[in-house]
PDB file of N, CA and C in Angstrom:
ATOM      1  N   MET A   1     -87.580-104.379  19.429  1.00  0.00           N
ATOM      2  CA  MET A   1     -86.934-104.088  20.669  1.00  0.00           C
ATOM      3  C   MET A   1     -87.320-105.176  21.704  1.00  0.00           C
ATOM      4  N   SER A   2     -86.407-105.992  22.166  1.00  0.00           N
ATOM      5  CA  SER A   2     -86.746-106.904  23.158  1.00  0.00           C
ATOM      6  C   SER A   2     -86.137-106.690  24.517  1.00  0.00           C
ATOM      7  N   ASP A   3     -85.225-105.721  24.587  1.00  0.00           N
ATOM      8  CA  ASP A   3     -84.596-105.315  25.718  1.00  0.00           C
ATOM      9  C   ASP A   3     -85.575-104.573  26.598  1.00  0.00           C
ATOM     10  N   PRO A   4     -85.841-104.952  27.805  1.00  0.00           N
ATOM     11  CA  PRO A   4     -86.813-104.217  28.663  1.00  0.00           C
ATOM     12  C   PRO A   4     -86.499-102.825  28.988  1.00  0.00           C
ATOM     13  N   LEU A   5     -85.246-102.558  29.176  1.00  0.00           N
ATOM     14  CA  LEU A   5     -84.828-101.088  29.436  1.00  0.00           C
ATOM     15  C   LEU A   5     -85.022-100.288  28.148  1.00  0.00           C
ATOM     16  N   SER A   6     -84.678-100.689  26.984  1.00  0.00           N
ATOM     17  CA  SER A   6     -84.999-100.041  25.787  1.00  0.00           C
ATOM     18  C   SER A   6     -86.364 -99.737  25.651  1.00  0.00           C
ATOM     19  N   ILE A   7     -87.246-100.702  25.997  1.00  0.00           N
ATOM     20  CA  ILE A   7     -88.638-100.545  25.798  1.00  0.00           C
ATOM     21  C   ILE A   7     -89.155 -99.458  26.793  1.00  0.00           C
ATOM     22  N   THR A   8     -88.647 -99.435  27.971  1.00  0.00           N
ATOM     23  CA  THR A   8     -89.071 -98.523  29.031  1.00  0.00           C
ATOM     24  C   THR A   8     -88.677 -97.107  28.578  1.00  0.00           C
ATOM     25  N   PHE A   9     -87.448 -96.860  28.072  1.00  0.00           N
ATOM     26  CA  PHE A   9     -87.005 -95.567  27.694  1.00  0.00           C
ATOM     27  C   PHE A   9     -87.634 -95.149  26.435  1.00  0.00           C
ATOM     28  N   ALA A  10     -87.981 -95.951  25.513  1.00  0.00           N
ATOM     29  CA  ALA A  10     -88.728 -95.659  24.307  1.00  0.00           C
ATOM     30  C   ALA A  10     -90.156 -95.188  24.722  1.00  0.00           C
ATOM     31  N   ALA A  11     -90.764 -95.888  25.652  1.00  0.00           N
ATOM     32  CA  ALA A  11     -92.044 -95.446  26.117  1.00  0.00           C
ATOM     33  C   ALA A  11     -92.006 -94.067  26.789  1.00  0.00           C
ATOM     34  N   LEU A  12     -90.974 -93.834  27.534  1.00  0.00           N
ATOM     35  CA  LEU A  12     -90.931 -92.455  28.229  1.00  0.00           C
ATOM     36  C   LEU A  12     -90.470 -91.367  27.243  1.00  0.00           C
ATOM     37  N   ALA A  13     -90.089 -91.670  26.070  1.00  0.00           N
ATOM     38  CA  ALA A  13     -89.584 -90.640  25.109  1.00  0.00           C
ATOM     39  C   ALA A  13     -90.629 -89.810  24.559  1.00  0.00           C
ATOM     40  N   ASP A  14     -91.778 -90.246  24.575  1.00  0.00           N
ATOM     41  CA  ASP A  14     -92.961 -89.470  23.992  1.00  0.00           C
ATOM     42  C   ASP A  14     -93.573 -88.610  25.014  1.00  0.00           C
ATOM     43  N   PRO A  15     -93.875 -87.345  24.596  1.00  0.00           N
ATOM     44  CA  PRO A  15     -94.460 -86.333  25.590  1.00  0.00           C
ATOM     45  C   PRO A  15     -95.954 -86.699  26.099  1.00  0.00           C
ATOM     46  N   THR A  16     -96.594 -87.248  25.105  1.00  0.00           N
ATOM     47  CA  THR A  16     -98.038 -87.674  25.381  1.00  0.00           C
ATOM     48  C   THR A  16     -97.972 -88.837  26.306  1.00  0.00           C
ATOM     49  N   ARG A  17     -97.105 -89.864  26.145  1.00  0.00           N
ATOM     50  CA  ARG A  17     -97.061 -90.859  27.130  1.00  0.00           C
ATOM     51  C   ARG A  17     -96.659 -90.411  28.575  1.00  0.00           C
ATOM     52  N   ARG A  18     -95.688 -89.487  28.622  1.00  0.00           N
ATOM     53  CA  ARG A  18     -95.289 -88.926  29.889  1.00  0.00           C
ATOM     54  C   ARG A  18     -96.441 -88.184  30.503  1.00  0.00           C
ATOM     55  N   ALA A  19     -97.158 -87.432  29.708  1.00  0.00           N
ATOM     56  CA  ALA A  19     -98.377 -86.775  30.270  1.00  0.00           C
ATOM     57  C   ALA A  19     -99.416 -87.758  30.905  1.00  0.00           C
ATOM     58  N   ILE A  20     -99.630 -88.834  30.107  1.00  0.00           N
ATOM     59  CA  ILE A  20    -100.549 -89.911  30.588  1.00  0.00           C
ATOM     60  C   ILE A  20    -100.061 -90.425  31.922  1.00  0.00           C
ATOM     61  N   LEU A  21     -98.689 -90.692  32.115  1.00  0.00           N
ATOM     62  CA  LEU A  21     -98.145 -91.239  33.278  1.00  0.00           C
ATOM     63  C   LEU A  21     -98.419 -90.224  34.441  1.00  0.00           C
ATOM     64  N   ALA A  22     -98.223 -88.978  34.082  1.00  0.00           N
ATOM     65  CA  ALA A  22     -98.439 -87.884  35.142  1.00  0.00           C
ATOM     66  C   ALA A  22     -99.891 -87.868  35.643  1.00  0.00           C
ATOM     67  N   MET A  23    -100.878 -88.070  34.721  1.00  0.00           N
ATOM     68  CA  MET A  23    -102.213 -88.075  35.004  1.00  0.00           C
ATOM     69  C   MET A  23    -102.556 -89.352  35.971  1.00  0.00           C
ATOM     70  N   LEU A  24    -101.866 -90.419  35.726  1.00  0.00           N
ATOM     71  CA  LEU A  24    -102.081 -91.737  36.338  1.00  0.00           C
ATOM     72  C   LEU A  24    -101.482 -91.647  37.745  1.00  0.00           C
ATOM     73  N   LEU A  25    -100.520 -90.714  37.982  1.00  0.00           N
ATOM     74  CA  LEU A  25     -99.974 -90.678  39.305  1.00  0.00           C
ATOM     75  C   LEU A  25    -101.092 -90.247  40.296  1.00  0.00           C
ATOM     76  N   GLU A  26    -102.015 -89.543  39.868  1.00  0.00           N
ATOM     77  CA  GLU A  26    -103.129 -89.076  40.794  1.00  0.00           C
ATOM     78  C   GLU A  26    -104.027 -90.266  41.219  1.00  0.00           C
ATOM     79  N   ASP A  27    -104.430 -90.995  40.277  1.00  0.00           N
ATOM     80  CA  ASP A  27    -105.376 -92.146  40.527  1.00  0.00           C
ATOM     81  C   ASP A  27    -105.552 -93.016  39.215  1.00  0.00           C
ATOM     82  N   ASP A  28    -106.163 -94.145  39.356  1.00  0.00           N
ATOM     83  CA  ASP A  28    -106.508 -94.963  38.235  1.00  0.00           C
ATOM     84  C   ASP A  28    -107.512 -94.183  37.377  1.00  0.00           C
ATOM     85  N   MET A  29    -107.515 -94.418  36.149  1.00  0.00           N
ATOM     86  CA  MET A  29    -108.549 -93.578  35.239  1.00  0.00           C
ATOM     87  C   MET A  29    -109.047 -94.489  34.143  1.00  0.00           C
ATOM     88  N   ALA A  30    -110.212 -94.261  33.821  1.00  0.00           N
ATOM     89  CA  ALA A  30    -110.791 -94.956  32.645  1.00  0.00           C
ATOM     90  C   ALA A  30    -110.126 -94.406  31.444  1.00  0.00           C
ATOM     91  N   VAL A  31    -110.042 -95.256  30.374  1.00  0.00           N
ATOM     92  CA  VAL A  31    -109.453 -94.923  29.139  1.00  0.00           C
ATOM     93  C   VAL A  31    -110.040 -93.570  28.510  1.00  0.00           C
ATOM     94  N   THR A  32    -111.287 -93.460  28.573  1.00  0.00           N
ATOM     95  CA  THR A  32    -112.016 -92.288  28.021  1.00  0.00           C
ATOM     96  C   THR A  32    -111.509 -90.999  28.803  1.00  0.00           C
ATOM     97  N   ASP A  33    -111.261 -91.203  30.072  1.00  0.00           N
ATOM     98  CA  ASP A  33    -110.866 -90.017  30.944  1.00  0.00           C
ATOM     99  C   ASP A  33    -109.383 -89.629  30.599  1.00  0.00           C
ATOM    100  N   VAL A  34    -108.616 -90.640  30.308  1.00  0.00           N
ATOM    101  CA  VAL A  34    -107.175 -90.472  29.984  1.00  0.00           C
ATOM    102  C   VAL A  34    -107.233 -89.654  28.637  1.00  0.00           C
ATOM    103  N   ALA A  35    -108.133 -90.037  27.730  1.00  0.00           N
ATOM    104  CA  ALA A  35    -108.183 -89.407  26.442  1.00  0.00           C
ATOM    105  C   ALA A  35    -108.579 -87.948  26.384  1.00  0.00           C
ATOM    106  N   ALA A  36    -109.500 -87.639  27.412  1.00  0.00           N
ATOM    107  CA  ALA A  36    -110.235 -86.339  27.326  1.00  0.00           C
ATOM    108  C   ALA A  36    -109.377 -85.091  27.179  1.00  0.00           C
ATOM    109  N   PRO A  37    -108.171 -84.953  27.822  1.00  0.00           N
ATOM    110  CA  PRO A  37    -107.444 -83.770  27.625  1.00  0.00           C
ATOM    111  C   PRO A  37    -106.702 -83.670  26.332  1.00  0.00           C
ATOM    112  N   PHE A  38    -106.584 -84.600  25.600  1.00  0.00           N
ATOM    113  CA  PHE A  38    -105.715 -84.637  24.433  1.00  0.00           C
ATOM    114  C   PHE A  38    -106.573 -84.503  23.193  1.00  0.00           C
ATOM    115  N   GLU A  39    -106.000 -83.765  22.289  1.00  0.00           N
ATOM    116  CA  GLU A  39    -106.677 -83.437  20.872  1.00  0.00           C
ATOM    117  C   GLU A  39    -106.195 -84.598  19.925  1.00  0.00           C
ATOM    118  N   MET A  40    -106.678 -85.808  20.214  1.00  0.00           N
ATOM    119  CA  MET A  40    -106.415 -86.863  19.418  1.00  0.00           C
ATOM    120  C   MET A  40    -107.487 -87.848  19.571  1.00  0.00           C
ATOM    121  N   SER A  41    -107.475 -88.749  18.628  1.00  0.00           N
ATOM    122  CA  SER A  41    -108.665 -89.824  18.636  1.00  0.00           C
ATOM    123  C   SER A  41    -108.435 -90.835  19.785  1.00  0.00           C
ATOM    124  N   LEU A  42    -109.479 -91.427  20.184  1.00  0.00           N
ATOM    125  CA  LEU A  42    -109.386 -92.581  21.202  1.00  0.00           C
ATOM    126  C   LEU A  42    -108.494 -93.626  20.691  1.00  0.00           C
ATOM    127  N   ALA A  43    -108.403 -93.971  19.354  1.00  0.00           N
ATOM    128  CA  ALA A  43    -107.569 -94.917  18.863  1.00  0.00           C
ATOM    129  C   ALA A  43    -106.141 -94.562  19.002  1.00  0.00           C
ATOM    130  N   ALA A  44    -105.846 -93.242  18.816  1.00  0.00           N
ATOM    131  CA  ALA A  44    -104.434 -92.818  19.027  1.00  0.00           C
ATOM    132  C   ALA A  44    -103.973 -92.955  20.494  1.00  0.00           C
ATOM    133  N   ILE A  45    -104.901 -92.506  21.425  1.00  0.00           N
ATOM    134  CA  ILE A  45    -104.626 -92.687  22.813  1.00  0.00           C
ATOM    135  C   ILE A  45    -104.400 -94.167  23.185  1.00  0.00           C
ATOM    136  N   SER A  46    -105.230 -95.084  22.618  1.00  0.00           N
ATOM    137  CA  SER A  46    -105.165 -96.503  22.825  1.00  0.00           C
ATOM    138  C   SER A  46    -103.770 -97.013  22.354  1.00  0.00           C
ATOM    139  N   LYS A  47    -103.229 -96.512  21.272  1.00  0.00           N
ATOM    140  CA  LYS A  47    -101.847 -96.873  20.853  1.00  0.00           C
ATOM    141  C   LYS A  47    -100.877 -96.452  21.907  1.00  0.00           C
ATOM    142  N   HIS A  48    -100.896 -95.220  22.454  1.00  0.00           N
ATOM    143  CA  HIS A  48    -100.071 -94.809  23.472  1.00  0.00           C
ATOM    144  C   HIS A  48    -100.170 -95.701  24.677  1.00  0.00           C
ATOM    145  N   LEU A  49    -101.351 -96.079  25.039  1.00  0.00           N
ATOM    146  CA  LEU A  49    -101.619 -96.988  26.303  1.00  0.00           C
ATOM    147  C   LEU A  49    -100.999 -98.369  25.986  1.00  0.00           C
ATOM    148  N   ASN A  50    -101.128 -98.802  24.827  1.00  0.00           N
ATOM    149  CA  ASN A  50    -100.429-100.030  24.457  1.00  0.00           C
ATOM    150  C   ASN A  50     -98.933-100.052  24.632  1.00  0.00           C
ATOM    151  N   VAL A  51     -98.381 -98.977  24.210  1.00  0.00           N
ATOM    152  CA  VAL A  51     -96.865 -98.808  24.362  1.00  0.00           C
ATOM    153  C   VAL A  51     -96.527 -98.833  25.874  1.00  0.00           C
ATOM    154  N   LEU A  52     -97.225 -98.066  26.700  1.00  0.00           N
ATOM    155  CA  LEU A  52     -97.054 -97.989  28.132  1.00  0.00           C
ATOM    156  C   LEU A  52     -97.212 -99.325  28.764  1.00  0.00           C
ATOM    157  N   ALA A  53     -98.310-100.046  28.327  1.00  0.00           N
ATOM    158  CA  ALA A  53     -98.550-101.365  28.864  1.00  0.00           C
ATOM    159  C   ALA A  53     -97.537-102.349  28.556  1.00  0.00           C
ATOM    160  N   GLU A  54     -97.027-102.387  27.266  1.00  0.00           N
ATOM    161  CA  GLU A  54     -96.047-103.319  26.828  1.00  0.00           C
ATOM    162  C   GLU A  54     -94.709-103.047  27.681  1.00  0.00           C
ATOM    163  N   ALA A  55     -94.469-101.743  27.944  1.00  0.00           N
ATOM    164  CA  ALA A  55     -93.262-101.476  28.736  1.00  0.00           C
ATOM    165  C   ALA A  55     -93.456-101.816  30.236  1.00  0.00           C
ATOM    166  N   GLY A  56     -94.685-102.126  30.625  1.00  0.00           N
ATOM    167  CA  GLY A  56     -94.937-102.455  31.983  1.00  0.00           C
ATOM    168  C   GLY A  56     -95.213-101.236  32.864  1.00  0.00           C
ATOM    169  N   LEU A  57     -95.272-100.053  32.318  1.00  0.00           N
ATOM    170  CA  LEU A  57     -95.505 -98.845  33.055  1.00  0.00           C
ATOM    171  C   LEU A  57     -96.877 -98.594  33.505  1.00  0.00           C
ATOM    172  N   ILE A  58     -97.785 -99.234  32.875  1.00  0.00           N
ATOM    173  CA  ILE A  58     -99.241 -99.168  33.292  1.00  0.00           C
ATOM    174  C   ILE A  58     -99.808-100.586  33.226  1.00  0.00           C
ATOM    175  N   SER A  59    -100.891-100.754  33.840  1.00  0.00           N
ATOM    176  CA  SER A  59    -101.679-102.047  33.695  1.00  0.00           C
ATOM    177  C   SER A  59    -103.121-101.546  33.371  1.00  0.00           C
ATOM    178  N   ARG A  60    -103.872-102.492  32.698  1.00  0.00           N
ATOM    179  CA  ARG A  60    -105.215-102.182  32.407  1.00  0.00           C
ATOM    180  C   ARG A  60    -106.135-103.301  32.939  1.00  0.00           C
ATOM    181  N   GLU A  61    -107.288-102.910  33.297  1.00  0.00           N
ATOM    182  CA  GLU A  61    -108.295-103.890  33.940  1.00  0.00           C
ATOM    183  C   GLU A  61    -109.621-103.525  33.433  1.00  0.00           C
ATOM    184  N   LYS A  62    -110.276-104.440  33.015  1.00  0.00           N
ATOM    185  CA  LYS A  62    -111.766-104.220  32.556  1.00  0.00           C
ATOM    186  C   LYS A  62    -112.681-104.383  33.667  1.00  0.00           C
ATOM    187  N   ARG A  63    -113.426-103.244  34.015  1.00  0.00           N
ATOM    188  CA  ARG A  63    -114.438-103.333  35.096  1.00  0.00           C
ATOM    189  C   ARG A  63    -115.749-103.006  34.377  1.00  0.00           C
ATOM    190  N   GLY A  64    -116.650-104.108  34.319  1.00  0.00           N
ATOM    191  CA  GLY A  64    -117.856-103.917  33.469  1.00  0.00           C
ATOM    192  C   GLY A  64    -117.439-103.630  32.050  1.00  0.00           C
ATOM    193  N   ARG A  65    -118.035-102.560  31.599  1.00  0.00           N
ATOM    194  CA  ARG A  65    -117.708-102.116  30.198  1.00  0.00           C
ATOM    195  C   ARG A  65    -116.561-101.153  30.002  1.00  0.00           C
ATOM    196  N   VAL A  66    -116.025-100.849  31.148  1.00  0.00           N
ATOM    197  CA  VAL A  66    -114.957 -99.746  31.174  1.00  0.00           C
ATOM    198  C   VAL A  66    -113.569-100.348  31.418  1.00  0.00           C
ATOM    199  N   ILE A  67    -112.596 -99.831  30.640  1.00  0.00           N
ATOM    200  CA  ILE A  67    -111.211-100.276  30.816  1.00  0.00           C
ATOM    201  C   ILE A  67    -110.527 -99.207  31.678  1.00  0.00           C
ATOM    202  N   TRP A  68    -109.927 -99.628  32.657  1.00  0.00           N
ATOM    203  CA  TRP A  68    -109.214 -98.687  33.732  1.00  0.00           C
ATOM    204  C   TRP A  68    -107.720 -98.848  33.563  1.00  0.00           C
ATOM    205  N   CYS A  69    -107.053 -97.728  33.595  1.00  0.00           N
ATOM    206  CA  CYS A  69    -105.641 -97.821  33.632  1.00  0.00           C
ATOM    207  C   CYS A  69    -104.993 -97.581  34.967  1.00  0.00           C
ATOM    208  N   LYS A  70    -103.906 -98.167  35.300  1.00  0.00           N
ATOM    209  CA  LYS A  70    -103.237 -98.017  36.587  1.00  0.00           C
ATOM    210  C   LYS A  70    -101.766 -97.821  36.387  1.00  0.00           C
ATOM    211  N   LEU A  71    -101.135 -96.851  36.975  1.00  0.00           N
ATOM    212  CA  LEU A  71     -99.630 -96.712  36.893  1.00  0.00           C
ATOM    213  C   LEU A  71     -98.977 -97.853  37.719  1.00  0.00           C
ATOM    214  N   GLU A  72     -97.913 -98.393  37.091  1.00  0.00           N
ATOM    215  CA  GLU A  72     -97.133 -99.416  37.770  1.00  0.00           C
ATOM    216  C   GLU A  72     -95.695 -98.813  37.997  1.00  0.00           C
ATOM    217  N   PRO A  73     -95.535 -98.088  39.206  1.00  0.00           N
ATOM    218  CA  PRO A  73     -94.383 -97.308  39.328  1.00  0.00           C
ATOM    219  C   PRO A  73     -93.111 -98.190  39.515  1.00  0.00           C
ATOM    220  N   ASP A  74     -93.221 -99.435  39.973  1.00  0.00           N
ATOM    221  CA  ASP A  74     -92.042-100.354  40.138  1.00  0.00           C
ATOM    222  C   ASP A  74     -91.448-100.627  38.830  1.00  0.00           C
ATOM    223  N   ALA A  75     -92.174-100.414  37.698  1.00  0.00           N
ATOM    224  CA  ALA A  75     -91.599-100.748  36.403  1.00  0.00           C
ATOM    225  C   ALA A  75     -90.399 -99.817  36.048  1.00  0.00           C
ATOM    226  N   MET A  76     -90.265 -98.693  36.654  1.00  0.00           N
ATOM    227  CA  MET A  76     -89.283 -97.829  36.409  1.00  0.00           C
ATOM    228  C   MET A  76     -87.971 -98.028  37.163  1.00  0.00           C
ATOM    229  N   LYS A  77     -88.052 -98.958  38.125  1.00  0.00           N
ATOM    230  CA  LYS A  77     -86.890 -99.336  38.982  1.00  0.00           C
ATOM    231  C   LYS A  77     -85.683 -99.683  38.189  1.00  0.00           C
ATOM    232  N   GLN A  78     -85.874-100.581  37.070  1.00  0.00           N
ATOM    233  CA  GLN A  78     -84.632-100.959  36.375  1.00  0.00           C
ATOM    234  C   GLN A  78     -84.073 -99.838  35.598  1.00  0.00           C
ATOM    235  N   ALA A  79     -84.783 -98.840  35.107  1.00  0.00           N
ATOM    236  CA  ALA A  79     -84.296 -97.627  34.551  1.00  0.00           C
ATOM    237  C   ALA A  79     -83.543 -96.776  35.576  1.00  0.00           C
ATOM    238  N   SER A  80     -84.014 -96.663  36.623  1.00  0.00           N
ATOM    239  CA  SER A  80     -83.494 -95.943  37.784  1.00  0.00           C
ATOM    240  C   SER A  80     -82.201 -96.558  38.120  1.00  0.00           C
ATOM    241  N   VAL A  81     -82.119 -97.862  38.311  1.00  0.00           N
ATOM    242  CA  VAL A  81     -80.897 -98.560  38.703  1.00  0.00           C
ATOM    243  C   VAL A  81     -79.805 -98.390  37.481  1.00  0.00           C
ATOM    244  N   TRP A  82     -80.203 -98.466  36.252  1.00  0.00           N
ATOM    245  CA  TRP A  82     -79.309 -98.153  35.192  1.00  0.00           C
ATOM    246  C   TRP A  82     -78.688 -96.876  35.277  1.00  0.00           C
ATOM    247  N   MET A  83     -79.534 -95.751  35.489  1.00  0.00           N
ATOM    248  CA  MET A  83     -79.061 -94.383  35.533  1.00  0.00           C
ATOM    249  C   MET A  83     -78.123 -94.216  36.784  1.00  0.00           C
ATOM    250  N   GLN A  84     -78.388 -94.783  37.802  1.00  0.00           N
ATOM    251  CA  GLN A  84     -77.559 -94.758  39.007  1.00  0.00           C
ATOM    252  C   GLN A  84     -76.156 -95.250  38.833  1.00  0.00           C
ATOM    253  N   GLY A  85     -76.047 -96.209  37.873  1.00  0.00           N
ATOM    254  CA  GLY A  85     -74.774 -96.844  37.452  1.00  0.00           C
ATOM    255  C   GLY A  85     -73.744 -95.750  36.961  1.00  0.00           C
ATOM    256  N   PHE A  86     -74.245 -94.713  36.476  1.00  0.00           N
ATOM    257  CA  PHE A  86     -73.459 -93.675  35.985  1.00  0.00           C
ATOM    258  C   PHE A  86     -72.858 -92.719  37.074  1.00  0.00           C
ATOM    259  N   GLY A  87     -73.491 -92.907  38.212  1.00  0.00           N
ATOM    260  CA  GLY A  87     -73.113 -92.002  39.337  1.00  0.00           C
ATOM    261  C   GLY A  87     -73.417 -90.575  39.292  1.00  0.00           C
ATOM    262  N   GLN A  88     -74.145 -90.224  38.185  1.00  0.00           N
ATOM    263  CA  GLN A  88     -74.455 -88.742  38.027  1.00  0.00           C
ATOM    264  C   GLN A  88     -75.885 -88.528  38.386  1.00  0.00           C
ATOM    265  N   PHE A  89     -76.618 -89.633  38.680  1.00  0.00           N
ATOM    266  CA  PHE A  89     -78.051 -89.433  38.849  1.00  0.00           C
ATOM    267  C   PHE A  89     -78.443 -89.921  40.166  1.00  0.00           C
ATOM    268  N   ASP A  90     -79.396 -89.362  40.893  1.00  0.00           N
ATOM    269  CA  ASP A  90     -79.878 -89.754  42.119  1.00  0.00           C
ATOM    270  C   ASP A  90     -80.980 -90.814  41.790  1.00  0.00           C
ATOM    271  N   PRO A  91     -81.265 -91.667  42.813  1.00  0.00           N
ATOM    272  CA  PRO A  91     -82.430 -92.564  42.568  1.00  0.00           C
ATOM    273  C   PRO A  91     -83.618 -91.820  42.233  1.00  0.00           C
ATOM    274  N   VAL A  92     -84.471 -92.491  41.466  1.00  0.00           N
ATOM    275  CA  VAL A  92     -85.724 -91.841  40.952  1.00  0.00           C
ATOM    276  C   VAL A  92     -86.696 -91.786  42.182  1.00  0.00           C
ATOM    277  N   ASP A  93     -87.004 -90.567  42.549  1.00  0.00           N
ATOM    278  CA  ASP A  93     -87.997 -90.185  43.583  1.00  0.00           C
ATOM    279  C   ASP A  93     -89.273 -89.980  42.911  1.00  0.00           C
ATOM    280  N   LEU A  94     -90.346 -90.787  43.233  1.00  0.00           N
ATOM    281  CA  LEU A  94     -91.556 -90.634  42.499  1.00  0.00           C
ATOM    282  C   LEU A  94     -92.173 -89.258  42.614  1.00  0.00           C
ATOM    283  N   ASP A  95     -91.968 -88.667  43.870  1.00  0.00           N
ATOM    284  CA  ASP A  95     -92.529 -87.263  44.018  1.00  0.00           C
ATOM    285  C   ASP A  95     -91.830 -86.364  43.108  1.00  0.00           C
ATOM    286  N   ASP A  96     -90.489 -86.439  42.900  1.00  0.00           N
ATOM    287  CA  ASP A  96     -89.740 -85.620  42.021  1.00  0.00           C
ATOM    288  C   ASP A  96     -90.230 -85.920  40.639  1.00  0.00           C
ATOM    289  N   PHE A  97     -90.337 -87.177  40.314  1.00  0.00           N
ATOM    290  CA  PHE A  97     -90.893 -87.559  38.975  1.00  0.00           C
ATOM    291  C   PHE A  97     -92.197 -87.018  38.649  1.00  0.00           C
ATOM    292  N   GLU A  98     -93.206 -86.947  39.643  1.00  0.00           N
ATOM    293  CA  GLU A  98     -94.406 -86.375  39.484  1.00  0.00           C
ATOM    294  C   GLU A  98     -94.339 -84.933  39.216  1.00  0.00           C
ATOM    295  N   ARG A  99     -93.501 -84.189  39.935  1.00  0.00           N
ATOM    296  CA  ARG A  99     -93.281 -82.780  39.618  1.00  0.00           C
ATOM    297  C   ARG A  99     -92.692 -82.551  38.345  1.00  0.00           C
ATOM    298  N   PHE A 100     -91.723 -83.335  37.860  1.00  0.00           N
ATOM    299  CA  PHE A 100     -91.189 -83.234  36.541  1.00  0.00           C
ATOM    300  C   PHE A 100     -92.301 -83.429  35.410  1.00  0.00           C
ATOM    301  N   LEU A 101     -93.087 -84.397  35.642  1.00  0.00           N
ATOM    302  CA  LEU A 101     -94.142 -84.674  34.626  1.00  0.00           C
ATOM    303  C   LEU A 101     -95.206 -83.590  34.594  1.00  0.00           C
ATOM    304  N   SER A 102     -95.519 -83.057  35.826  1.00  0.00           N
ATOM    305  CA  SER A 102     -96.430 -81.947  35.869  1.00  0.00           C
ATOM    306  C   SER A 102     -95.891 -80.746  35.221  1.00  0.00           C
ATOM    307  N   SER A 103     -94.650 -80.384  35.292  1.00  0.00           N
ATOM    308  CA  SER A 103     -94.029 -79.342  34.638  1.00  0.00           C
ATOM    309  C   SER A 103     -94.041 -79.447  33.149  1.00  0.00           C
ATOM    310  N   GLU A 104     -93.817 -80.731  32.746  1.00  0.00           N
ATOM    311  CA  GLU A 104     -93.750 -81.046  31.274  1.00  0.00           C
ATOM    312  C   GLU A 104     -95.209 -80.806  30.692  1.00  0.00           C
ATOM    313  N   LEU A 105     -96.093 -81.147  31.432  1.00  0.00           N
ATOM    314  CA  LEU A 105     -97.601 -80.955  31.087  1.00  0.00           C
ATOM    315  C   LEU A 105     -97.810 -79.577  30.901  1.00  0.00           C
ATOM    316  N   ARG A 106     -97.433 -78.647  31.820  1.00  0.00           N
ATOM    317  CA  ARG A 106     -97.661 -77.251  31.784  1.00  0.00           C
ATOM    318  C   ARG A 106     -96.927 -76.598  30.611  1.00  0.00           C
ATOM    319  N   GLU A 107     -95.688 -77.051  30.344  1.00  0.00           N
ATOM    320  CA  GLU A 107     -94.926 -76.568  29.223  1.00  0.00           C
ATOM    321  C   GLU A 107     -95.632 -76.872  27.843  1.00  0.00           C
ATOM    322  N   ASP A 108     -96.088 -78.173  27.835  1.00  0.00           N
ATOM    323  CA  ASP A 108     -96.800 -78.650  26.535  1.00  0.00           C
ATOM    324  C   ASP A 108     -98.092 -77.928  26.310  1.00  0.00           C
ATOM    325  N   SER A 109     -98.805 -77.593  27.513  1.00  0.00           N
ATOM    326  CA  SER A 109    -100.008 -76.800  27.414  1.00  0.00           C
ATOM    327  C   SER A 109     -99.698 -75.358  26.932  1.00  0.00           C
ATOM    328  N   ALA A 110     -98.646 -74.771  27.481  1.00  0.00           N
ATOM    329  CA  ALA A 110     -98.306 -73.374  27.108  1.00  0.00           C
ATOM    330  C   ALA A 110     -97.932 -73.273  25.581  1.00  0.00           C
ATOM    331  N   GLU A 111     -97.321 -74.306  25.056  1.00  0.00           N
ATOM    332  CA  GLU A 111     -96.735 -74.295  23.699  1.00  0.00           C
ATOM    333  C   GLU A 111     -98.100 -74.405  22.743  1.00  0.00           C
ATOM    334  N   ALA A 112     -99.074 -75.132  23.161  1.00  0.00           N
ATOM    335  CA  ALA A 112    -100.263 -75.460  22.362  1.00  0.00           C
ATOM    336  C   ALA A 112    -101.068 -74.231  22.147  1.00  0.00           C
TER     337      ALA A 112
END
């Protein structure tokens, strides 16, 4: 996939990646802190973070020995503009997006 919009939507298609984005709405986080709530290996979380980084949805920065992840909310603008073209969708409101991601997290936790 080389189309940036397809890469963005593919990254958002996975519930684990959406949960990670919801966590990063609060603040930057170390990779180990991102991994903590999930029942998967650090390597698996790293793969999810790679997908999010390749889509431009997060950035990573090494501070000392720790890699920090930061949400890049502007990366969703192109997807928002594309959805607005259908006239059925309102512009993406990041507060609404945060509430949506939080509800997804609660549903995923309830199912587990």
